N, C-alpha and C. Protein backbone atom coordinates (compact mmCIF):
# COMPACT_ATOMS: atom_id res chain seq x y z
N MET A 1 8.63 -17.83 14.30
CA MET A 1 8.87 -17.28 12.91
C MET A 1 8.21 -15.85 13.07
N SER A 2 8.66 -14.98 12.63
CA SER A 2 8.09 -13.39 12.59
C SER A 2 7.47 -13.09 11.44
N THR A 3 6.71 -12.00 11.38
CA THR A 3 6.27 -11.47 10.13
C THR A 3 7.27 -11.11 9.09
N ARG A 4 8.40 -10.65 9.59
CA ARG A 4 9.44 -10.36 8.75
C ARG A 4 10.08 -11.73 8.02
N SER A 5 10.20 -12.77 8.83
CA SER A 5 10.54 -13.99 8.29
C SER A 5 9.55 -14.56 7.12
N LEU A 6 8.22 -14.33 7.57
CA LEU A 6 7.24 -14.85 6.54
C LEU A 6 7.25 -14.14 5.25
N ILE A 7 7.39 -12.78 5.42
CA ILE A 7 7.50 -11.85 4.26
C ILE A 7 8.61 -12.26 3.42
N ASN A 8 9.87 -12.64 4.11
CA ASN A 8 10.94 -13.14 3.22
C ASN A 8 10.63 -14.47 2.50
N ASP A 9 10.01 -15.39 3.28
CA ASP A 9 9.52 -16.60 2.67
C ASP A 9 8.46 -16.42 1.37
N HIS A 10 7.58 -15.42 1.62
CA HIS A 10 6.62 -15.14 0.62
C HIS A 10 7.28 -14.57 -0.57
N CYS A 11 8.39 -13.59 -0.44
CA CYS A 11 9.03 -13.09 -1.52
C CYS A 11 9.87 -14.20 -2.33
N ALA A 12 10.31 -15.21 -1.52
CA ALA A 12 11.12 -16.27 -2.03
C ALA A 12 10.19 -17.15 -3.01
N ARG A 13 9.02 -17.15 -2.53
CA ARG A 13 8.04 -18.04 -3.26
C ARG A 13 7.08 -17.35 -4.53
N GLY A 14 7.32 -15.86 -4.51
CA GLY A 14 6.53 -15.13 -5.38
C GLY A 14 5.29 -14.66 -4.90
N ALA A 15 4.79 -15.01 -3.79
CA ALA A 15 3.64 -14.62 -3.23
C ALA A 15 3.62 -13.05 -2.80
N LEU A 16 4.75 -12.59 -2.61
CA LEU A 16 5.09 -11.08 -2.46
C LEU A 16 6.21 -10.82 -3.10
N THR A 17 6.22 -9.47 -3.56
CA THR A 17 7.53 -8.80 -4.27
C THR A 17 7.82 -7.53 -3.51
N TYR A 18 9.09 -7.51 -3.16
CA TYR A 18 9.65 -6.28 -2.48
C TYR A 18 9.84 -5.16 -3.58
N LEU A 19 9.18 -4.17 -3.40
CA LEU A 19 9.40 -3.05 -4.56
C LEU A 19 10.50 -2.11 -4.09
N ARG A 20 11.42 -2.03 -4.98
CA ARG A 20 12.55 -1.23 -4.78
C ARG A 20 12.52 0.02 -5.77
N PRO A 21 13.09 1.03 -5.43
CA PRO A 21 13.08 2.42 -6.20
C PRO A 21 13.58 2.05 -7.60
N TYR A 22 12.68 2.64 -8.69
CA TYR A 22 13.14 2.67 -10.01
C TYR A 22 14.52 3.14 -10.16
N VAL A 23 14.92 4.18 -9.70
CA VAL A 23 16.24 4.65 -9.94
C VAL A 23 17.19 4.09 -8.95
N LEU A 24 18.16 3.49 -9.37
CA LEU A 24 19.37 2.76 -8.54
C LEU A 24 20.00 3.85 -7.73
N GLY A 25 20.11 3.67 -6.59
CA GLY A 25 20.79 4.72 -5.63
C GLY A 25 19.86 5.52 -4.85
N ASP A 26 18.40 5.53 -5.18
CA ASP A 26 17.51 6.28 -4.59
C ASP A 26 17.42 5.85 -3.15
N PRO A 27 17.22 6.62 -2.08
CA PRO A 27 17.16 5.98 -0.71
C PRO A 27 16.02 5.11 -0.38
N ILE A 28 16.21 4.22 0.54
CA ILE A 28 15.05 3.32 0.79
C ILE A 28 14.86 3.61 2.29
N ARG A 29 13.76 4.17 2.63
CA ARG A 29 13.45 4.74 4.01
C ARG A 29 12.32 3.91 4.65
N ARG A 30 11.51 3.38 3.65
CA ARG A 30 10.34 2.46 3.98
C ARG A 30 10.10 1.40 3.05
N HIS A 31 9.31 0.52 3.56
CA HIS A 31 9.37 -0.71 2.45
C HIS A 31 7.75 -1.09 2.17
N ILE A 32 7.57 -1.65 0.86
CA ILE A 32 6.32 -1.96 0.37
C ILE A 32 6.57 -3.34 -0.23
N PHE A 33 5.67 -4.33 0.09
CA PHE A 33 5.62 -5.70 -0.61
C PHE A 33 4.27 -5.70 -1.27
N LEU A 34 4.56 -6.09 -2.57
CA LEU A 34 3.32 -6.16 -3.52
C LEU A 34 2.70 -7.43 -3.64
N THR A 35 1.66 -7.68 -3.77
CA THR A 35 0.88 -8.92 -4.16
C THR A 35 1.13 -9.11 -5.76
N PRO A 36 1.04 -10.27 -6.18
CA PRO A 36 1.22 -10.57 -7.53
C PRO A 36 0.41 -9.64 -8.61
N ASP A 37 -0.83 -9.46 -8.28
CA ASP A 37 -1.65 -8.62 -9.25
C ASP A 37 -1.21 -7.14 -9.11
N LEU A 38 -0.81 -6.53 -8.12
CA LEU A 38 -0.30 -5.21 -8.25
C LEU A 38 1.12 -5.26 -8.77
N ARG A 39 1.95 -6.20 -8.51
CA ARG A 39 3.29 -6.34 -9.13
C ARG A 39 3.18 -6.32 -10.65
N HIS A 40 2.21 -7.15 -11.21
CA HIS A 40 1.95 -7.22 -12.75
C HIS A 40 1.46 -5.83 -13.27
N TYR A 41 0.61 -5.03 -12.44
CA TYR A 41 0.08 -3.71 -12.97
C TYR A 41 1.21 -2.76 -12.94
N LEU A 42 2.16 -2.80 -11.94
CA LEU A 42 3.17 -1.82 -11.78
C LEU A 42 4.31 -2.14 -12.99
N LEU A 43 4.61 -3.40 -12.91
CA LEU A 43 5.92 -3.76 -13.90
C LEU A 43 5.60 -4.41 -15.26
N GLY A 44 4.45 -4.48 -15.49
CA GLY A 44 4.01 -5.09 -16.73
C GLY A 44 4.20 -6.48 -16.97
N PRO A 45 4.13 -7.09 -18.22
CA PRO A 45 3.83 -6.34 -19.36
C PRO A 45 2.34 -5.80 -19.27
N TRP A 46 2.00 -4.77 -20.10
CA TRP A 46 0.80 -4.28 -20.13
C TRP A 46 0.07 -4.47 -21.41
N CYS A 47 -1.27 -4.35 -21.35
CA CYS A 47 -2.06 -4.63 -22.46
C CYS A 47 -2.26 -3.48 -23.36
N ASN A 48 -2.03 -2.25 -22.85
CA ASN A 48 -2.16 -1.03 -23.81
C ASN A 48 -1.14 -0.11 -23.26
N LEU A 49 -1.06 1.07 -23.97
CA LEU A 49 -0.40 2.31 -23.56
C LEU A 49 -0.91 2.96 -22.16
N ASP A 50 -2.23 2.99 -22.21
CA ASP A 50 -2.97 3.76 -21.11
C ASP A 50 -2.73 2.94 -19.78
N ASP A 51 -2.76 1.57 -19.92
CA ASP A 51 -2.33 0.74 -18.63
C ASP A 51 -0.91 1.06 -18.17
N GLU A 52 -0.09 1.11 -19.31
CA GLU A 52 1.30 1.32 -18.91
C GLU A 52 1.74 2.71 -18.28
N ILE A 53 1.11 3.68 -18.85
CA ILE A 53 1.19 4.93 -18.35
C ILE A 53 0.55 5.02 -16.87
N ARG A 54 -0.54 4.42 -16.70
CA ARG A 54 -1.20 4.63 -15.26
C ARG A 54 -0.45 3.73 -14.32
N GLY A 55 0.15 2.53 -14.70
CA GLY A 55 0.87 1.77 -13.93
C GLY A 55 2.09 2.36 -13.43
N ASN A 56 2.79 2.98 -14.38
CA ASN A 56 4.13 3.90 -13.99
C ASN A 56 3.73 4.92 -12.97
N GLN A 57 2.53 5.70 -13.22
CA GLN A 57 2.31 6.72 -12.27
C GLN A 57 1.91 6.09 -10.97
N LEU A 58 1.27 5.10 -10.90
CA LEU A 58 1.15 4.27 -9.63
C LEU A 58 2.42 4.17 -8.80
N ARG A 59 3.23 3.48 -9.75
CA ARG A 59 4.73 3.26 -9.15
C ARG A 59 5.28 4.46 -8.56
N SER A 60 5.23 5.44 -9.32
CA SER A 60 5.79 6.73 -8.98
C SER A 60 5.33 7.09 -7.48
N ASP A 61 4.03 7.04 -7.50
CA ASP A 61 3.34 7.33 -6.14
C ASP A 61 3.76 6.58 -5.04
N LEU A 62 3.98 5.27 -5.23
CA LEU A 62 4.39 4.35 -4.27
C LEU A 62 5.75 4.57 -3.90
N GLU A 63 6.58 5.02 -4.75
CA GLU A 63 7.95 5.42 -4.53
C GLU A 63 8.06 6.61 -3.51
N VAL A 64 7.10 7.46 -3.45
CA VAL A 64 7.06 8.62 -2.58
C VAL A 64 7.17 7.90 -1.15
N PHE A 65 6.46 6.90 -0.94
CA PHE A 65 6.41 6.03 0.38
C PHE A 65 7.90 5.51 0.75
N ILE A 66 8.46 4.76 -0.28
CA ILE A 66 9.67 4.04 -0.26
C ILE A 66 10.86 5.12 -0.04
N THR A 67 10.95 5.96 -0.78
CA THR A 67 12.07 6.89 -0.76
C THR A 67 11.96 7.79 0.57
N GLY A 68 11.05 7.81 1.43
CA GLY A 68 10.88 8.70 2.43
C GLY A 68 10.41 10.10 2.10
N GLY A 69 9.64 10.19 1.04
CA GLY A 69 9.09 11.53 0.69
C GLY A 69 8.09 11.91 1.58
N LEU A 70 7.76 13.16 1.72
CA LEU A 70 6.63 13.60 2.62
C LEU A 70 5.27 13.02 2.37
N LEU A 71 4.71 12.41 3.47
CA LEU A 71 3.44 11.83 3.31
C LEU A 71 2.39 12.65 3.86
N ARG A 72 1.42 13.07 3.10
CA ARG A 72 0.26 13.78 3.59
C ARG A 72 -0.77 12.84 4.15
N VAL A 73 -0.98 12.72 5.31
CA VAL A 73 -1.81 11.71 5.81
C VAL A 73 -3.10 12.23 6.67
N SER A 74 -4.24 11.47 6.55
CA SER A 74 -5.29 12.03 7.10
C SER A 74 -5.66 10.76 8.07
N THR A 75 -6.14 11.29 9.16
CA THR A 75 -6.60 10.32 10.39
C THR A 75 -8.03 9.85 10.04
N LEU A 76 -8.69 10.68 9.22
CA LEU A 76 -10.23 10.35 8.74
C LEU A 76 -10.24 9.35 7.68
N ALA A 77 -11.32 8.52 7.92
CA ALA A 77 -11.62 7.52 6.82
C ALA A 77 -12.50 7.97 5.85
N ARG A 78 -13.22 9.10 6.17
CA ARG A 78 -14.01 9.69 5.12
C ARG A 78 -13.67 11.10 5.06
N LYS A 79 -14.24 11.97 4.06
CA LYS A 79 -14.28 13.46 3.90
C LYS A 79 -12.76 13.81 4.17
N LYS A 80 -11.87 13.22 3.38
CA LYS A 80 -10.34 13.63 3.45
C LYS A 80 -10.20 14.80 2.58
N PRO A 81 -9.08 15.60 2.88
CA PRO A 81 -8.63 16.66 1.97
C PRO A 81 -8.10 16.07 0.62
N SER A 82 -8.33 16.85 -0.41
CA SER A 82 -7.89 16.09 -1.67
C SER A 82 -6.42 15.86 -1.77
N ASN A 83 -5.50 16.53 -1.13
CA ASN A 83 -4.29 16.16 -1.21
C ASN A 83 -3.76 15.12 -0.36
N THR A 84 -4.54 14.29 0.32
CA THR A 84 -4.23 13.20 1.18
C THR A 84 -3.57 12.11 0.45
N TYR A 85 -2.44 11.54 0.94
CA TYR A 85 -1.84 10.52 0.21
C TYR A 85 -2.18 9.33 0.88
N MET A 86 -2.25 9.13 2.22
CA MET A 86 -2.70 7.88 2.89
C MET A 86 -3.74 8.19 3.96
N SER A 87 -4.57 7.14 4.10
CA SER A 87 -5.56 7.28 5.35
C SER A 87 -6.05 5.92 5.70
N PRO A 88 -6.72 5.80 6.83
CA PRO A 88 -7.20 4.56 7.39
C PRO A 88 -8.35 4.40 6.49
N THR A 89 -8.89 3.11 6.26
CA THR A 89 -10.04 2.95 5.58
C THR A 89 -11.22 2.82 6.75
N SER A 90 -12.38 2.55 6.20
CA SER A 90 -13.50 2.48 7.34
C SER A 90 -14.03 0.97 7.10
N PRO A 91 -14.05 0.06 8.00
CA PRO A 91 -14.18 0.56 9.54
C PRO A 91 -12.54 0.42 9.83
N ARG A 92 -12.27 1.34 10.87
CA ARG A 92 -11.03 1.57 11.37
C ARG A 92 -10.40 0.30 12.00
N LYS A 93 -11.22 -0.65 12.67
CA LYS A 93 -10.76 -1.74 13.35
C LYS A 93 -9.94 -2.68 12.52
N GLY A 94 -10.21 -2.56 11.20
CA GLY A 94 -9.60 -3.55 10.40
C GLY A 94 -7.96 -3.22 10.32
N GLU A 95 -7.57 -2.09 10.54
CA GLU A 95 -6.19 -1.63 10.48
C GLU A 95 -5.74 -1.78 9.00
N ILE A 96 -6.60 -1.35 8.12
CA ILE A 96 -6.43 -1.44 6.54
C ILE A 96 -6.25 0.09 6.10
N PHE A 97 -5.27 0.21 5.45
CA PHE A 97 -4.97 1.69 4.93
C PHE A 97 -5.01 1.68 3.45
N SER A 98 -5.33 3.10 2.92
CA SER A 98 -5.28 3.24 1.50
C SER A 98 -4.43 4.32 1.13
N ILE A 99 -3.62 3.89 0.29
CA ILE A 99 -2.79 4.97 -0.49
C ILE A 99 -3.53 5.37 -1.73
N ARG A 100 -3.68 6.87 -1.93
CA ARG A 100 -4.40 7.22 -3.09
C ARG A 100 -3.52 7.63 -4.16
N SER A 101 -3.79 7.10 -5.39
CA SER A 101 -3.11 7.58 -6.50
C SER A 101 -4.15 8.35 -7.38
N THR A 102 -3.99 9.62 -7.51
CA THR A 102 -5.25 10.43 -8.01
C THR A 102 -4.99 10.98 -9.51
N ASN A 103 -3.69 10.78 -10.00
CA ASN A 103 -3.51 11.33 -11.37
C ASN A 103 -2.61 10.40 -12.07
N PRO A 104 -2.90 10.28 -13.29
CA PRO A 104 -4.02 10.61 -14.11
C PRO A 104 -5.34 9.78 -13.76
N GLN A 105 -6.48 10.15 -14.28
CA GLN A 105 -7.67 9.39 -14.10
C GLN A 105 -7.70 7.99 -14.71
N PRO A 106 -8.10 7.11 -14.34
CA PRO A 106 -9.03 7.16 -13.23
C PRO A 106 -8.09 6.86 -12.06
N GLN A 107 -8.57 7.29 -10.80
CA GLN A 107 -8.01 7.17 -9.60
C GLN A 107 -7.79 5.76 -9.12
N ILE A 108 -6.68 5.41 -8.34
CA ILE A 108 -6.47 4.03 -8.00
C ILE A 108 -6.36 4.16 -6.36
N ARG A 109 -6.89 3.18 -5.66
CA ARG A 109 -6.53 3.01 -4.34
C ARG A 109 -5.74 1.59 -4.16
N VAL A 110 -4.84 1.65 -3.18
CA VAL A 110 -4.00 0.55 -2.76
C VAL A 110 -4.28 0.31 -1.53
N LEU A 111 -4.94 -0.70 -1.10
CA LEU A 111 -5.28 -1.18 0.26
C LEU A 111 -4.19 -2.13 0.80
N SER A 112 -3.79 -1.82 1.99
CA SER A 112 -2.66 -2.33 2.57
C SER A 112 -2.78 -2.38 4.18
N ALA A 113 -1.79 -3.12 4.76
CA ALA A 113 -1.82 -3.19 5.98
C ALA A 113 -0.23 -3.16 6.49
N PHE A 114 0.08 -2.48 7.60
CA PHE A 114 1.40 -2.42 8.11
C PHE A 114 1.72 -3.76 8.91
N SER A 115 2.88 -4.39 8.54
CA SER A 115 3.40 -5.54 9.29
C SER A 115 4.30 -5.13 10.55
N GLU A 116 4.88 -3.92 10.34
CA GLU A 116 5.55 -3.27 11.37
C GLU A 116 5.92 -1.83 11.08
N LEU A 117 6.66 -1.08 11.81
CA LEU A 117 7.01 0.39 11.57
C LEU A 117 7.40 0.43 10.15
N ASP A 118 6.95 1.27 9.37
CA ASP A 118 7.61 1.50 8.02
C ASP A 118 7.53 0.37 7.02
N HIS A 119 6.69 -0.68 7.26
CA HIS A 119 6.81 -2.00 6.38
C HIS A 119 5.37 -2.22 5.96
N PHE A 120 4.95 -1.98 4.86
CA PHE A 120 3.53 -1.91 4.15
C PHE A 120 3.52 -3.03 3.24
N VAL A 121 2.41 -3.97 3.49
CA VAL A 121 1.94 -5.09 2.84
C VAL A 121 0.84 -4.80 1.79
N THR A 122 1.05 -4.78 0.56
CA THR A 122 -0.16 -4.37 -0.22
C THR A 122 -1.06 -5.59 -0.05
N LEU A 123 -2.40 -5.46 -0.20
CA LEU A 123 -3.34 -6.59 -0.11
C LEU A 123 -4.45 -6.51 -1.28
N HIS A 124 -4.60 -5.40 -1.90
CA HIS A 124 -5.62 -5.19 -2.93
C HIS A 124 -5.46 -3.90 -3.41
N PHE A 125 -5.80 -3.83 -4.81
CA PHE A 125 -5.83 -2.45 -5.39
C PHE A 125 -6.97 -2.37 -6.32
N ASN A 126 -7.55 -1.20 -6.66
CA ASN A 126 -8.64 -1.16 -7.67
C ASN A 126 -8.80 0.32 -8.12
N PHE A 127 -9.41 0.65 -9.08
CA PHE A 127 -9.77 1.85 -9.38
C PHE A 127 -10.76 2.29 -8.40
N ARG A 128 -10.96 3.76 -8.15
CA ARG A 128 -11.64 4.24 -7.05
C ARG A 128 -13.03 3.89 -7.26
N ASN A 129 -13.52 4.07 -8.51
CA ASN A 129 -14.93 4.10 -8.90
C ASN A 129 -15.48 2.51 -8.98
N GLN A 130 -14.64 1.60 -8.74
CA GLN A 130 -14.88 0.20 -8.83
C GLN A 130 -14.83 -0.54 -7.47
N LEU A 131 -14.37 0.29 -6.56
CA LEU A 131 -14.21 -0.28 -5.09
C LEU A 131 -15.52 -0.54 -4.42
N ASN A 132 -15.68 -1.53 -3.65
CA ASN A 132 -16.94 -1.81 -2.74
C ASN A 132 -16.17 -1.97 -1.54
N TRP A 133 -16.06 -0.76 -0.87
CA TRP A 133 -15.20 -0.79 0.47
C TRP A 133 -15.46 -1.74 1.39
N ASP A 134 -16.70 -2.06 1.87
CA ASP A 134 -16.77 -3.04 2.73
C ASP A 134 -16.24 -4.35 2.46
N GLU A 135 -16.54 -4.74 1.03
CA GLU A 135 -16.27 -6.12 0.64
C GLU A 135 -14.61 -6.17 0.38
N ASP A 136 -14.06 -4.94 -0.14
CA ASP A 136 -12.67 -5.02 -0.30
C ASP A 136 -11.84 -4.96 0.94
N ILE A 137 -12.31 -4.39 2.04
CA ILE A 137 -11.61 -4.32 3.32
C ILE A 137 -11.70 -5.87 3.93
N GLU A 138 -12.75 -6.29 3.75
CA GLU A 138 -12.89 -7.75 4.21
C GLU A 138 -11.96 -8.79 3.42
N HIS A 139 -11.84 -8.42 2.09
CA HIS A 139 -11.07 -9.27 1.21
C HIS A 139 -9.59 -9.05 1.88
N CYS A 140 -9.26 -7.92 2.16
CA CYS A 140 -7.85 -7.43 2.78
C CYS A 140 -7.65 -8.25 3.92
N ILE A 141 -8.65 -8.18 4.78
CA ILE A 141 -8.41 -8.83 6.06
C ILE A 141 -8.25 -10.48 6.05
N LYS A 142 -8.94 -10.96 4.99
CA LYS A 142 -8.86 -12.46 4.71
C LYS A 142 -7.59 -12.68 4.08
N LYS A 143 -7.06 -11.74 3.27
CA LYS A 143 -5.80 -12.09 2.39
C LYS A 143 -4.66 -11.91 3.61
N TRP A 144 -4.79 -11.09 4.53
CA TRP A 144 -3.69 -11.00 5.52
C TRP A 144 -3.67 -12.26 6.33
N HIS A 145 -4.88 -12.76 6.68
CA HIS A 145 -4.80 -14.13 7.45
C HIS A 145 -4.27 -15.33 6.68
N ALA A 146 -4.54 -15.16 5.39
CA ALA A 146 -3.76 -16.19 4.49
C ALA A 146 -2.26 -16.03 4.33
N LEU A 147 -1.74 -14.85 4.34
CA LEU A 147 -0.56 -14.62 4.30
C LEU A 147 0.30 -14.83 5.78
N PHE A 148 -0.42 -14.27 6.68
CA PHE A 148 0.18 -14.40 8.11
C PHE A 148 -0.83 -14.86 9.27
N PRO A 149 -1.08 -16.28 8.88
CA PRO A 149 -2.04 -16.76 9.89
C PRO A 149 -1.88 -16.59 11.46
N LYS A 150 -0.79 -16.41 11.93
CA LYS A 150 -0.53 -16.39 13.28
C LYS A 150 -0.41 -14.90 13.87
N TYR A 151 -0.23 -14.06 12.76
CA TYR A 151 0.23 -12.68 13.26
C TYR A 151 -0.89 -11.49 12.91
N GLN A 152 -1.07 -10.67 13.80
CA GLN A 152 -1.95 -9.49 13.61
C GLN A 152 -1.39 -8.50 12.76
N ARG A 153 -2.14 -7.60 12.26
CA ARG A 153 -1.63 -6.43 11.52
C ARG A 153 -1.25 -5.34 12.75
N LEU A 154 -0.10 -4.56 12.24
CA LEU A 154 0.21 -3.50 13.17
C LEU A 154 -0.86 -2.73 13.76
N SER A 155 -1.01 -2.34 14.85
CA SER A 155 -2.18 -1.61 15.48
C SER A 155 -1.61 -0.54 16.34
N GLY A 156 -2.12 0.74 16.33
CA GLY A 156 -1.73 1.63 17.16
C GLY A 156 -2.24 2.99 16.67
N ALA A 157 -1.70 4.03 17.17
CA ALA A 157 -2.08 5.44 16.90
C ALA A 157 -1.60 5.82 15.43
N PHE A 158 -2.36 6.03 14.51
CA PHE A 158 -2.04 6.58 13.22
C PHE A 158 -1.78 8.05 13.18
N PRO A 159 -0.72 8.63 12.65
CA PRO A 159 0.52 7.89 11.86
C PRO A 159 1.69 7.52 12.70
N ASN A 160 1.74 7.89 13.95
CA ASN A 160 2.93 7.87 14.79
C ASN A 160 3.46 6.40 15.02
N ASP A 161 2.62 5.45 15.13
CA ASP A 161 3.03 3.93 15.23
C ASP A 161 3.17 3.17 14.05
N TYR A 162 3.04 3.94 12.77
CA TYR A 162 3.09 3.29 11.65
C TYR A 162 4.15 3.92 10.67
N ILE A 163 4.38 5.16 10.74
CA ILE A 163 5.34 5.65 9.76
C ILE A 163 6.29 6.55 10.73
N SER A 164 7.56 6.23 10.57
CA SER A 164 8.63 6.86 11.52
C SER A 164 8.93 8.31 11.37
N GLU A 165 8.80 8.81 10.04
CA GLU A 165 9.24 10.09 9.88
C GLU A 165 8.69 10.69 8.71
N ASN A 166 8.91 12.05 8.48
CA ASN A 166 8.39 12.87 7.27
C ASN A 166 6.94 12.71 6.89
N TRP A 167 6.17 12.98 7.75
CA TRP A 167 4.65 13.01 7.34
C TRP A 167 3.87 14.13 8.10
N ILE A 168 2.88 14.66 7.52
CA ILE A 168 2.05 15.82 8.15
C ILE A 168 0.61 15.27 8.06
N ILE A 169 -0.10 15.75 8.97
CA ILE A 169 -1.55 15.35 8.98
C ILE A 169 -2.27 16.61 8.20
N VAL A 170 -3.14 16.04 7.16
CA VAL A 170 -3.84 17.17 6.46
C VAL A 170 -5.26 17.15 6.77
């Protein structure tokens, strides 16, 4: 069995959800698979209007990845330019990456790993000011092993080995 087969099994059981573009007919160039907590945050139902607005903006930010939009990536785990969309987390050895959703406040980080080229599995998300990076990265690594016990996260040179096209280093 491959990671792709396991992802399909997890999607069938509800352990992961494949995120499709909101607008029918938008192109699908890359793939994101959501954990149930992130799926709920993006798709509702929401407790209040602020959560609904923030969830919809985060979804819009994730759709940049899905639809093949230009990704501003940093190879640095720290001291990234403010316009960075995606970067590795620290420590680098974990092969855990962060998508930044910076507007509106509060900022959100989606911590994820690549299962293969252009296939991104979300593992954890939180508001930027509530993250404990070391603990959250360790949580992501454990979650990966729970989902894919026999498979490693994609490893290579970022971004070339992870994202096939339409990215720039900032």
